[in-house]
Amino acid sequence: MDPEFIRDLFAQFHPVTVKRMFDGAIHLKVDETNIADFEREGSRPFSYTRGKSSGRPTRHALPYWRLPERLYDDPDELAVWAGRAFAIAERKKLVPRARAKRKPRLSK
């Protein structure tokens, strides 16, 4: 997807920085406040397969859902959806991440 097209698409929201992170599609951050909107639009989360080399692949979904197709033609509505996703991302920054517990090291 052309970075300039993406910048133009989000112009009514804010200037954006384009990074290639997903599958060539635009995804927005979701949480319990907006996930139902994405589901109603028939959108799906970004997911990937992990553990292929171990022979036990598993699917993992991230909290980013594909931008509904109709929003590509509705910049005003897209700005609303982008604003919600941005607010979610900002809130997530403020929540401390739980640290994984380390296994105790065995002394020799």
PDB file of N, CA and C in Angstrom:
ATOM      1  N   MET A   1       0.850  -1.163   0.000  1.00  0.00           N
ATOM      2  CA  MET A   1       0.000   0.000   0.000  1.00  0.00           C
ATOM      3  C   MET A   1       0.904   1.237   0.000  1.00  0.00           C
ATOM      4  N   ASP A   2       0.558   2.186  -0.810  1.00  0.00           N
ATOM      5  CA  ASP A   2       1.354   3.394  -0.988  1.00  0.00           C
ATOM      6  C   ASP A   2       1.302   4.287   0.263  1.00  0.00           C
ATOM      7  N   PRO A   3       2.463   4.638   0.849  1.00  0.00           N
ATOM      8  CA  PRO A   3       2.480   5.483   2.055  1.00  0.00           C
ATOM      9  C   PRO A   3       1.783   6.830   1.867  1.00  0.00           C
ATOM     10  N   GLU A   4       1.905   7.412   0.698  1.00  0.00           N
ATOM     11  CA  GLU A   4       1.258   8.708   0.459  1.00  0.00           C
ATOM     12  C   GLU A   4      -0.262   8.563   0.461  1.00  0.00           C
ATOM     13  N   PHE A   5      -0.758   7.462  -0.095  1.00  0.00           N
ATOM     14  CA  PHE A   5      -2.200   7.176  -0.057  1.00  0.00           C
ATOM     15  C   PHE A   5      -2.683   7.082   1.393  1.00  0.00           C
ATOM     16  N   ILE A   6      -1.921   6.417   2.222  1.00  0.00           N
ATOM     17  CA  ILE A   6      -2.294   6.250   3.632  1.00  0.00           C
ATOM     18  C   ILE A   6      -2.295   7.598   4.345  1.00  0.00           C
ATOM     19  N   ARG A   7      -1.279   8.424   4.083  1.00  0.00           N
ATOM     20  CA  ARG A   7      -1.245   9.760   4.694  1.00  0.00           C
ATOM     21  C   ARG A   7      -2.461  10.579   4.280  1.00  0.00           C
ATOM     22  N   ASP A   8      -2.823  10.515   3.005  1.00  0.00           N
ATOM     23  CA  ASP A   8      -3.999  11.239   2.511  1.00  0.00           C
ATOM     24  C   ASP A   8      -5.282  10.700   3.143  1.00  0.00           C
ATOM     25  N   LEU A   9      -5.357   9.391   3.283  1.00  0.00           N
ATOM     26  CA  LEU A   9      -6.529   8.746   3.858  1.00  0.00           C
ATOM     27  C   LEU A   9      -6.790   9.228   5.279  1.00  0.00           C
ATOM     28  N   PHE A  10      -5.723   9.427   6.047  1.00  0.00           N
ATOM     29  CA  PHE A  10      -5.851   9.826   7.452  1.00  0.00           C
ATOM     30  C   PHE A  10      -5.713  11.337   7.659  1.00  0.00           C
ATOM     31  N   ALA A  11      -5.700  12.105   6.595  1.00  0.00           N
ATOM     32  CA  ALA A  11      -5.474  13.551   6.693  1.00  0.00           C
ATOM     33  C   ALA A  11      -6.484  14.255   7.607  1.00  0.00           C
ATOM     34  N   GLN A  12      -7.728  13.814   7.628  1.00  0.00           N
ATOM     35  CA  GLN A  12      -8.727  14.472   8.474  1.00  0.00           C
ATOM     36  C   GLN A  12      -8.565  14.096   9.945  1.00  0.00           C
ATOM     37  N   PHE A  13      -7.830  13.035  10.200  1.00  0.00           N
ATOM     38  CA  PHE A  13      -7.581  12.623  11.579  1.00  0.00           C
ATOM     39  C   PHE A  13      -6.395  13.398  12.135  1.00  0.00           C
ATOM     40  N   HIS A  14      -5.232  13.113  11.652  1.00  0.00           N
ATOM     41  CA  HIS A  14      -3.968  13.738  12.044  1.00  0.00           C
ATOM     42  C   HIS A  14      -2.929  13.316  11.018  1.00  0.00           C
ATOM     43  N   PRO A  15      -1.815  14.010  10.967  1.00  0.00           N
ATOM     44  CA  PRO A  15      -0.715  13.470  10.167  1.00  0.00           C
ATOM     45  C   PRO A  15      -0.286  12.132  10.777  1.00  0.00           C
ATOM     46  N   VAL A  16       0.027  11.173   9.957  1.00  0.00           N
ATOM     47  CA  VAL A  16       0.427   9.852  10.440  1.00  0.00           C
ATOM     48  C   VAL A  16       1.797   9.470   9.903  1.00  0.00           C
ATOM     49  N   THR A  17       2.443   8.606  10.639  1.00  0.00           N
ATOM     50  CA  THR A  17       3.693   8.000  10.201  1.00  0.00           C
ATOM     51  C   THR A  17       3.362   6.603   9.725  1.00  0.00           C
ATOM     52  N   VAL A  18       3.843   6.239   8.571  1.00  0.00           N
ATOM     53  CA  VAL A  18       3.524   4.942   7.983  1.00  0.00           C
ATOM     54  C   VAL A  18       4.658   3.973   8.261  1.00  0.00           C
ATOM     55  N   LYS A  19       4.295   2.818   8.837  1.00  0.00           N
ATOM     56  CA  LYS A  19       5.242   1.743   9.102  1.00  0.00           C
ATOM     57  C   LYS A  19       4.650   0.449   8.581  1.00  0.00           C
ATOM     58  N   ARG A  20       5.459  -0.352   7.964  1.00  0.00           N
ATOM     59  CA  ARG A  20       4.991  -1.659   7.509  1.00  0.00           C
ATOM     60  C   ARG A  20       5.091  -2.628   8.668  1.00  0.00           C
ATOM     61  N   MET A  21       3.934  -3.056   9.162  1.00  0.00           N
ATOM     62  CA  MET A  21       3.920  -3.963  10.299  1.00  0.00           C
ATOM     63  C   MET A  21       3.026  -5.166  10.055  1.00  0.00           C
ATOM     64  N   PHE A  22       2.076  -5.049   9.177  1.00  0.00           N
ATOM     65  CA  PHE A  22       1.082  -6.090   9.034  1.00  0.00           C
ATOM     66  C   PHE A  22       1.120  -6.687   7.632  1.00  0.00           C
ATOM     67  N   ASP A  23      -0.019  -7.109   7.147  1.00  0.00           N
ATOM     68  CA  ASP A  23      -0.116  -7.861   5.896  1.00  0.00           C
ATOM     69  C   ASP A  23      -0.502  -7.015   4.695  1.00  0.00           C
ATOM     70  N   GLY A  24      -0.013  -5.799   4.628  1.00  0.00           N
ATOM     71  CA  GLY A  24      -0.355  -4.948   3.491  1.00  0.00           C
ATOM     72  C   GLY A  24      -1.727  -4.304   3.623  1.00  0.00           C
ATOM     73  N   ALA A  25      -2.317  -4.378   4.803  1.00  0.00           N
ATOM     74  CA  ALA A  25      -3.620  -3.771   5.064  1.00  0.00           C
ATOM     75  C   ALA A  25      -3.479  -2.822   6.248  1.00  0.00           C
ATOM     76  N   ILE A  26      -4.474  -1.980   6.424  1.00  0.00           N
ATOM     77  CA  ILE A  26      -4.480  -1.053   7.555  1.00  0.00           C
ATOM     78  C   ILE A  26      -5.257  -1.696   8.691  1.00  0.00           C
ATOM     79  N   HIS A  27      -4.656  -1.679   9.875  1.00  0.00           N
ATOM     80  CA  HIS A  27      -5.287  -2.212  11.074  1.00  0.00           C
ATOM     81  C   HIS A  27      -5.308  -1.128  12.142  1.00  0.00           C
ATOM     82  N   LEU A  28      -6.377  -1.119  12.942  1.00  0.00           N
ATOM     83  CA  LEU A  28      -6.508  -0.163  14.029  1.00  0.00           C
ATOM     84  C   LEU A  28      -6.550  -0.896  15.362  1.00  0.00           C
ATOM     85  N   LYS A  29      -6.087  -0.231  16.405  1.00  0.00           N
ATOM     86  CA  LYS A  29      -6.065  -0.792  17.759  1.00  0.00           C
ATOM     87  C   LYS A  29      -7.490  -0.947  18.280  1.00  0.00           C
ATOM     88  N   VAL A  30      -7.747  -2.070  18.954  1.00  0.00           N
ATOM     89  CA  VAL A  30      -9.057  -2.316  19.535  1.00  0.00           C
ATOM     90  C   VAL A  30      -8.937  -2.703  21.000  1.00  0.00           C
ATOM     91  N   ASP A  31     -10.032  -2.542  21.705  1.00  0.00           N
ATOM     92  CA  ASP A  31     -10.192  -3.091  23.051  1.00  0.00           C
ATOM     93  C   ASP A  31     -11.684  -3.335  23.234  1.00  0.00           C
ATOM     94  N   GLU A  32     -12.106  -3.558  24.461  1.00  0.00           N
ATOM     95  CA  GLU A  32     -13.513  -3.887  24.702  1.00  0.00           C
ATOM     96  C   GLU A  32     -14.463  -2.746  24.347  1.00  0.00           C
ATOM     97  N   THR A  33     -13.949  -1.522  24.180  1.00  0.00           N
ATOM     98  CA  THR A  33     -14.819  -0.382  23.878  1.00  0.00           C
ATOM     99  C   THR A  33     -15.203  -0.276  22.404  1.00  0.00           C
ATOM    100  N   ASN A  34     -14.404  -0.853  21.506  1.00  0.00           N
ATOM    101  CA  ASN A  34     -14.714  -0.691  20.083  1.00  0.00           C
ATOM    102  C   ASN A  34     -14.701  -1.994  19.276  1.00  0.00           C
ATOM    103  N   ILE A  35     -14.403  -3.105  19.896  1.00  0.00           N
ATOM    104  CA  ILE A  35     -14.288  -4.355  19.146  1.00  0.00           C
ATOM    105  C   ILE A  35     -15.617  -4.753  18.496  1.00  0.00           C
ATOM    106  N   ALA A  36     -16.732  -4.465  19.148  1.00  0.00           N
ATOM    107  CA  ALA A  36     -18.037  -4.810  18.577  1.00  0.00           C
ATOM    108  C   ALA A  36     -18.279  -4.063  17.265  1.00  0.00           C
ATOM    109  N   ASP A  37     -17.774  -2.834  17.152  1.00  0.00           N
ATOM    110  CA  ASP A  37     -17.920  -2.074  15.905  1.00  0.00           C
ATOM    111  C   ASP A  37     -17.222  -2.799  14.759  1.00  0.00           C
ATOM    112  N   PHE A  38     -16.039  -3.302  15.019  1.00  0.00           N
ATOM    113  CA  PHE A  38     -15.285  -4.024  13.995  1.00  0.00           C
ATOM    114  C   PHE A  38     -15.979  -5.333  13.635  1.00  0.00           C
ATOM    115  N   GLU A  39     -16.510  -6.015  14.632  1.00  0.00           N
ATOM    116  CA  GLU A  39     -17.227  -7.270  14.379  1.00  0.00           C
ATOM    117  C   GLU A  39     -18.459  -7.026  13.512  1.00  0.00           C
ATOM    118  N   ARG A  40     -19.217  -5.965  13.794  1.00  0.00           N
ATOM    119  CA  ARG A  40     -20.396  -5.634  12.980  1.00  0.00           C
ATOM    120  C   ARG A  40     -20.025  -5.372  11.528  1.00  0.00           C
ATOM    121  N   GLU A  41     -18.835  -4.854  11.300  1.00  0.00           N
ATOM    122  CA  GLU A  41     -18.384  -4.551   9.944  1.00  0.00           C
ATOM    123  C   GLU A  41     -17.806  -5.780   9.234  1.00  0.00           C
ATOM    124  N   GLY A  42     -17.713  -6.902   9.958  1.00  0.00           N
ATOM    125  CA  GLY A  42     -17.154  -8.112   9.351  1.00  0.00           C
ATOM    126  C   GLY A  42     -15.638  -8.123   9.330  1.00  0.00           C
ATOM    127  N   SER A  43     -15.044  -7.240  10.104  1.00  0.00           N
ATOM    128  CA  SER A  43     -13.585  -7.149  10.176  1.00  0.00           C
ATOM    129  C   SER A  43     -13.037  -8.299  11.011  1.00  0.00           C
ATOM    130  N   ARG A  44     -11.749  -8.553  10.870  1.00  0.00           N
ATOM    131  CA  ARG A  44     -11.076  -9.629  11.606  1.00  0.00           C
ATOM    132  C   ARG A  44      -9.782  -9.100  12.209  1.00  0.00           C
ATOM    133  N   PRO A  45      -9.315  -9.750  13.295  1.00  0.00           N
ATOM    134  CA  PRO A  45      -8.052  -9.318  13.901  1.00  0.00           C
ATOM    135  C   PRO A  45      -6.850  -9.759  13.076  1.00  0.00           C
ATOM    136  N   PHE A  46      -5.761  -9.046  13.259  1.00  0.00           N
ATOM    137  CA  PHE A  46      -4.502  -9.484  12.670  1.00  0.00           C
ATOM    138  C   PHE A  46      -4.041 -10.688  13.476  1.00  0.00           C
ATOM    139  N   SER A  47      -3.711 -11.771  12.798  1.00  0.00           N
ATOM    140  CA  SER A  47      -3.228 -12.956  13.495  1.00  0.00           C
ATOM    141  C   SER A  47      -2.050 -13.539  12.732  1.00  0.00           C
ATOM    142  N   TYR A  48      -1.276 -14.328  13.434  1.00  0.00           N
ATOM    143  CA  TYR A  48      -0.105 -14.950  12.830  1.00  0.00           C
ATOM    144  C   TYR A  48       0.099 -16.326  13.453  1.00  0.00           C
ATOM    145  N   THR A  49       0.890 -17.143  12.768  1.00  0.00           N
ATOM    146  CA  THR A  49       1.184 -18.485  13.249  1.00  0.00           C
ATOM    147  C   THR A  49       2.565 -18.491  13.867  1.00  0.00           C
ATOM    148  N   ARG A  50       2.655 -19.152  15.010  1.00  0.00           N
ATOM    149  CA  ARG A  50       3.915 -19.214  15.734  1.00  0.00           C
ATOM    150  C   ARG A  50       4.214 -20.673  16.076  1.00  0.00           C
ATOM    151  N   GLY A  51       5.492 -21.015  16.160  1.00  0.00           N
ATOM    152  CA  GLY A  51       5.888 -22.354  16.552  1.00  0.00           C
ATOM    153  C   GLY A  51       5.922 -23.352  15.413  1.00  0.00           C
ATOM    154  N   LYS A  52       6.029 -22.884  14.177  1.00  0.00           N
ATOM    155  CA  LYS A  52       6.064 -23.799  13.037  1.00  0.00           C
ATOM    156  C   LYS A  52       7.240 -24.758  13.128  1.00  0.00           C
ATOM    157  N   SER A  53       8.380 -24.235  13.565  1.00  0.00           N
ATOM    158  CA  SER A  53       9.581 -25.069  13.602  1.00  0.00           C
ATOM    159  C   SER A  53       9.488 -26.169  14.660  1.00  0.00           C
ATOM    160  N   SER A  54       8.694 -25.949  15.689  1.00  0.00           N
ATOM    161  CA  SER A  54       8.562 -26.953  16.748  1.00  0.00           C
ATOM    162  C   SER A  54       7.594 -28.064  16.355  1.00  0.00           C
ATOM    163  N   GLY A  55       6.878 -27.872  15.246  1.00  0.00           N
ATOM    164  CA  GLY A  55       5.905 -28.860  14.823  1.00  0.00           C
ATOM    165  C   GLY A  55       4.552 -28.683  15.482  1.00  0.00           C
ATOM    166  N   ARG A  56       4.424 -27.679  16.353  1.00  0.00           N
ATOM    167  CA  ARG A  56       3.148 -27.410  17.021  1.00  0.00           C
ATOM    168  C   ARG A  56       2.754 -25.949  16.796  1.00  0.00           C
ATOM    169  N   PRO A  57       2.364 -25.621  15.570  1.00  0.00           N
ATOM    170  CA  PRO A  57       2.008 -24.224  15.300  1.00  0.00           C
ATOM    171  C   PRO A  57       0.726 -23.816  16.015  1.00  0.00           C
ATOM    172  N   THR A  58       0.720 -22.578  16.481  1.00  0.00           N
ATOM    173  CA  THR A  58      -0.464 -22.011  17.127  1.00  0.00           C
ATOM    174  C   THR A  58      -0.748 -20.642  16.528  1.00  0.00           C
ATOM    175  N   ARG A  59      -2.029 -20.279  16.487  1.00  0.00           N
ATOM    176  CA  ARG A  59      -2.439 -18.976  15.968  1.00  0.00           C
ATOM    177  C   ARG A  59      -2.506 -17.980  17.117  1.00  0.00           C
ATOM    178  N   HIS A  60      -2.014 -16.796  16.861  1.00  0.00           N
ATOM    179  CA  HIS A  60      -2.047 -15.710  17.846  1.00  0.00           C
ATOM    180  C   HIS A  60      -2.689 -14.495  17.193  1.00  0.00           C
ATOM    181  N   ALA A  61      -3.609 -13.860  17.905  1.00  0.00           N
ATOM    182  CA  ALA A  61      -4.259 -12.654  17.403  1.00  0.00           C
ATOM    183  C   ALA A  61      -3.768 -11.459  18.212  1.00  0.00           C
ATOM    184  N   LEU A  62      -3.531 -10.371  17.523  1.00  0.00           N
ATOM    185  CA  LEU A  62      -3.116  -9.130  18.166  1.00  0.00           C
ATOM    186  C   LEU A  62      -4.326  -8.207  18.299  1.00  0.00           C
ATOM    187  N   PRO A  63      -4.263  -7.210  19.175  1.00  0.00           N
ATOM    188  CA  PRO A  63      -5.392  -6.298  19.350  1.00  0.00           C
ATOM    189  C   PRO A  63      -5.452  -5.221  18.269  1.00  0.00           C
ATOM    190  N   TYR A  64      -5.274  -5.637  17.028  1.00  0.00           N
ATOM    191  CA  TYR A  64      -5.379  -4.759  15.866  1.00  0.00           C
ATOM    192  C   TYR A  64      -6.313  -5.430  14.879  1.00  0.00           C
ATOM    193  N   TRP A  65      -7.343  -4.717  14.473  1.00  0.00           N
ATOM    194  CA  TRP A  65      -8.318  -5.280  13.543  1.00  0.00           C
ATOM    195  C   TRP A  65      -8.271  -4.512  12.227  1.00  0.00           C
ATOM    196  N   ARG A  66      -8.555  -5.224  11.162  1.00  0.00           N
ATOM    197  CA  ARG A  66      -8.502  -4.667   9.811  1.00  0.00           C
ATOM    198  C   ARG A  66      -9.522  -3.535   9.649  1.00  0.00           C
ATOM    199  N   LEU A  67      -9.076  -2.467   9.025  1.00  0.00           N
ATOM    200  CA  LEU A  67      -9.938  -1.320   8.751  1.00  0.00           C
ATOM    201  C   LEU A  67     -11.079  -1.757   7.837  1.00  0.00           C
ATOM    202  N   PRO A  68     -12.328  -1.509   8.225  1.00  0.00           N
ATOM    203  CA  PRO A  68     -13.447  -1.868   7.352  1.00  0.00           C
ATOM    204  C   PRO A  68     -13.332  -1.173   5.993  1.00  0.00           C
ATOM    205  N   GLU A  69     -13.633  -1.909   4.938  1.00  0.00           N
ATOM    206  CA  GLU A  69     -13.472  -1.412   3.561  1.00  0.00           C
ATOM    207  C   GLU A  69     -14.230  -0.107   3.304  1.00  0.00           C
ATOM    208  N   ARG A  70     -15.431   0.019   3.861  1.00  0.00           N
ATOM    209  CA  ARG A  70     -16.233   1.217   3.566  1.00  0.00           C
ATOM    210  C   ARG A  70     -15.580   2.500   4.050  1.00  0.00           C
ATOM    211  N   LEU A  71     -14.672   2.402   5.036  1.00  0.00           N
ATOM    212  CA  LEU A  71     -14.043   3.602   5.580  1.00  0.00           C
ATOM    213  C   LEU A  71     -13.014   4.219   4.631  1.00  0.00           C
ATOM    214  N   TYR A  72     -12.557   3.443   3.649  1.00  0.00           N
ATOM    215  CA  TYR A  72     -11.624   3.996   2.663  1.00  0.00           C
ATOM    216  C   TYR A  72     -12.290   5.107   1.854  1.00  0.00           C
ATOM    217  N   ASP A  73     -13.626   5.067   1.771  1.00  0.00           N
ATOM    218  CA  ASP A  73     -14.366   6.067   1.002  1.00  0.00           C
ATOM    219  C   ASP A  73     -15.089   7.087   1.878  1.00  0.00           C
ATOM    220  N   ASP A  74     -14.837   7.062   3.176  1.00  0.00           N
ATOM    221  CA  ASP A  74     -15.526   7.969   4.088  1.00  0.00           C
ATOM    222  C   ASP A  74     -14.520   8.568   5.076  1.00  0.00           C
ATOM    223  N   PRO A  75     -13.785   9.612   4.652  1.00  0.00           N
ATOM    224  CA  PRO A  75     -12.732  10.168   5.504  1.00  0.00           C
ATOM    225  C   PRO A  75     -13.223  10.723   6.836  1.00  0.00           C
ATOM    226  N   ASP A  76     -14.437  11.248   6.892  1.00  0.00           N
ATOM    227  CA  ASP A  76     -14.955  11.762   8.159  1.00  0.00           C
ATOM    228  C   ASP A  76     -15.167  10.633   9.158  1.00  0.00           C
ATOM    229  N   GLU A  77     -15.784   9.553   8.717  1.00  0.00           N
ATOM    230  CA  GLU A  77     -16.017   8.393   9.584  1.00  0.00           C
ATOM    231  C   GLU A  77     -14.687   7.722   9.943  1.00  0.00           C
ATOM    232  N   LEU A  78     -13.783   7.657   8.990  1.00  0.00           N
ATOM    233  CA  LEU A  78     -12.455   7.081   9.253  1.00  0.00           C
ATOM    234  C   LEU A  78     -11.754   7.861  10.369  1.00  0.00           C
ATOM    235  N   ALA A  79     -11.869   9.170  10.352  1.00  0.00           N
ATOM    236  CA  ALA A  79     -11.243   9.996  11.390  1.00  0.00           C
ATOM    237  C   ALA A  79     -11.816   9.661  12.771  1.00  0.00           C
ATOM    238  N   VAL A  80     -13.107   9.376  12.850  1.00  0.00           N
ATOM    239  CA  VAL A  80     -13.734   8.992  14.122  1.00  0.00           C
ATOM    240  C   VAL A  80     -13.164   7.663  14.601  1.00  0.00           C
ATOM    241  N   TRP A  81     -13.098   6.670  13.712  1.00  0.00           N
ATOM    242  CA  TRP A  81     -12.563   5.353  14.075  1.00  0.00           C
ATOM    243  C   TRP A  81     -11.092   5.458  14.468  1.00  0.00           C
ATOM    244  N   ALA A  82     -10.329   6.246  13.723  1.00  0.00           N
ATOM    245  CA  ALA A  82      -8.906   6.423  14.042  1.00  0.00           C
ATOM    246  C   ALA A  82      -8.741   7.107  15.388  1.00  0.00           C
ATOM    247  N   GLY A  83      -9.597   8.070  15.690  1.00  0.00           N
ATOM    248  CA  GLY A  83      -9.543   8.749  16.983  1.00  0.00           C
ATOM    249  C   GLY A  83      -9.783   7.796  18.138  1.00  0.00           C
ATOM    250  N   ARG A  84     -10.738   6.888  17.978  1.00  0.00           N
ATOM    251  CA  ARG A  84     -10.998   5.893  19.022  1.00  0.00           C
ATOM    252  C   ARG A  84      -9.799   4.967  19.199  1.00  0.00           C
ATOM    253  N   ALA A  85      -9.245   4.511  18.087  1.00  0.00           N
ATOM    254  CA  ALA A  85      -8.084   3.614  18.151  1.00  0.00           C
ATOM    255  C   ALA A  85      -6.891   4.312  18.799  1.00  0.00           C
ATOM    256  N   PHE A  86      -6.702   5.571  18.474  1.00  0.00           N
ATOM    257  CA  PHE A  86      -5.603   6.332  19.061  1.00  0.00           C
ATOM    258  C   PHE A  86      -5.789   6.488  20.565  1.00  0.00           C
ATOM    259  N   ALA A  87      -7.020   6.774  20.995  1.00  0.00           N
ATOM    260  CA  ALA A  87      -7.304   6.908  22.430  1.00  0.00           C
ATOM    261  C   ALA A  87      -7.020   5.591  23.162  1.00  0.00           C
ATOM    262  N   ILE A  88      -7.354   4.480  22.543  1.00  0.00           N
ATOM    263  CA  ILE A  88      -7.069   3.172  23.144  1.00  0.00           C
ATOM    264  C   ILE A  88      -5.569   2.977  23.288  1.00  0.00           C
ATOM    265  N   ALA A  89      -4.832   3.289  22.246  1.00  0.00           N
ATOM    266  CA  ALA A  89      -3.369   3.147  22.296  1.00  0.00           C
ATOM    267  C   ALA A  89      -2.777   4.033  23.385  1.00  0.00           C
ATOM    268  N   GLU A  90      -3.277   5.239  23.528  1.00  0.00           N
ATOM    269  CA  GLU A  90      -2.784   6.143  24.568  1.00  0.00           C
ATOM    270  C   GLU A  90      -3.084   5.596  25.963  1.00  0.00           C
ATOM    271  N   ARG A  91      -4.285   5.052  26.156  1.00  0.00           N
ATOM    272  CA  ARG A  91      -4.633   4.465  27.458  1.00  0.00           C
ATOM    273  C   ARG A  91      -3.736   3.269  27.773  1.00  0.00           C
ATOM    274  N   LYS A  92      -3.454   2.465  26.762  1.00  0.00           N
ATOM    275  CA  LYS A  92      -2.617   1.273  26.973  1.00  0.00           C
ATOM    276  C   LYS A  92      -1.198   1.665  27.377  1.00  0.00           C
ATOM    277  N   LYS A  93      -0.733   2.817  26.930  1.00  0.00           N
ATOM    278  CA  LYS A  93       0.598   3.291  27.319  1.00  0.00           C
ATOM    279  C   LYS A  93       0.688   3.545  28.814  1.00  0.00           C
ATOM    280  N   LEU A  94      -0.427   3.946  29.407  1.00  0.00           N
ATOM    281  CA  LEU A  94      -0.448   4.310  30.818  1.00  0.00           C
ATOM    282  C   LEU A  94      -0.580   3.111  31.750  1.00  0.00           C
ATOM    283  N   VAL A  95      -0.990   1.968  31.208  1.00  0.00           N
ATOM    284  CA  VAL A  95      -1.170   0.769  32.025  1.00  0.00           C
ATOM    285  C   VAL A  95       0.157   0.027  32.103  1.00  0.00           C
ATOM    286  N   PRO A  96       0.680  -0.183  33.314  1.00  0.00           N
ATOM    287  CA  PRO A  96       1.953  -0.900  33.412  1.00  0.00           C
ATOM    288  C   PRO A  96       1.789  -2.343  32.947  1.00  0.00           C
ATOM    289  N   ARG A  97       2.764  -2.803  32.189  1.00  0.00           N
ATOM    290  CA  ARG A  97       2.737  -4.176  31.696  1.00  0.00           C
ATOM    291  C   ARG A  97       3.169  -5.123  32.801  1.00  0.00           C
ATOM    292  N   ALA A  98       2.494  -6.247  32.865  1.00  0.00           N
ATOM    293  CA  ALA A  98       2.870  -7.269  33.846  1.00  0.00           C
ATOM    294  C   ALA A  98       4.163  -7.927  33.383  1.00  0.00           C
ATOM    295  N   ARG A  99       5.073  -8.040  34.286  1.00  0.00           N
ATOM    296  CA  ARG A  99       6.346  -8.673  33.939  1.00  0.00           C
ATOM    297  C   ARG A  99       6.218 -10.174  34.134  1.00  0.00           C
ATOM    298  N   ALA A 100       6.816 -10.900  33.217  1.00  0.00           N
ATOM    299  CA  ALA A 100       6.801 -12.356  33.327  1.00  0.00           C
ATOM    300  C   ALA A 100       7.649 -12.765  34.525  1.00  0.00           C
ATOM    301  N   LYS A 101       7.144 -13.729  35.274  1.00  0.00           N
ATOM    302  CA  LYS A 101       7.903 -14.211  36.425  1.00  0.00           C
ATOM    303  C   LYS A 101       9.031 -15.099  35.932  1.00  0.00           C
ATOM    304  N   ARG A 102      10.183 -14.852  36.444  1.00  0.00           N
ATOM    305  CA  ARG A 102      11.351 -15.660  36.070  1.00  0.00           C
ATOM    306  C   ARG A 102      11.397 -16.926  36.915  1.00  0.00           C
ATOM    307  N   LYS A 103      11.841 -17.969  36.275  1.00  0.00           N
ATOM    308  CA  LYS A 103      12.034 -19.199  37.026  1.00  0.00           C
ATOM    309  C   LYS A 103      13.269 -19.046  37.889  1.00  0.00           C
ATOM    310  N   PRO A 104      13.230 -19.564  39.102  1.00  0.00           N
ATOM    311  CA  PRO A 104      14.414 -19.441  39.956  1.00  0.00           C
ATOM    312  C   PRO A 104      15.578 -20.235  39.349  1.00  0.00           C
ATOM    313  N   ARG A 105      16.745 -19.631  39.435  1.00  0.00           N
ATOM    314  CA  ARG A 105      17.942 -20.310  38.917  1.00  0.00           C
ATOM    315  C   ARG A 105      18.438 -21.318  39.950  1.00  0.00           C
ATOM    316  N   LEU A 106      18.801 -22.445  39.447  1.00  0.00           N
ATOM    317  CA  LEU A 106      19.336 -23.479  40.314  1.00  0.00           C
ATOM    318  C   LEU A 106      20.820 -23.247  40.514  1.00  0.00           C
ATOM    319  N   SER A 107      21.279 -23.311  41.736  1.00  0.00           N
ATOM    320  CA  SER A 107      22.704 -23.125  41.989  1.00  0.00           C
ATOM    321  C   SER A 107      23.406 -24.467  41.856  1.00  0.00           C
ATOM    322  N   LYS A 108      24.613 -24.412  41.434  1.00  0.00           N
ATOM    323  CA  LYS A 108      25.396 -25.652  41.225  1.00  0.00           C
ATOM    324  C   LYS A 108      26.222 -25.981  42.422  1.00  0.00           C
TER     325      LYS A 108
END
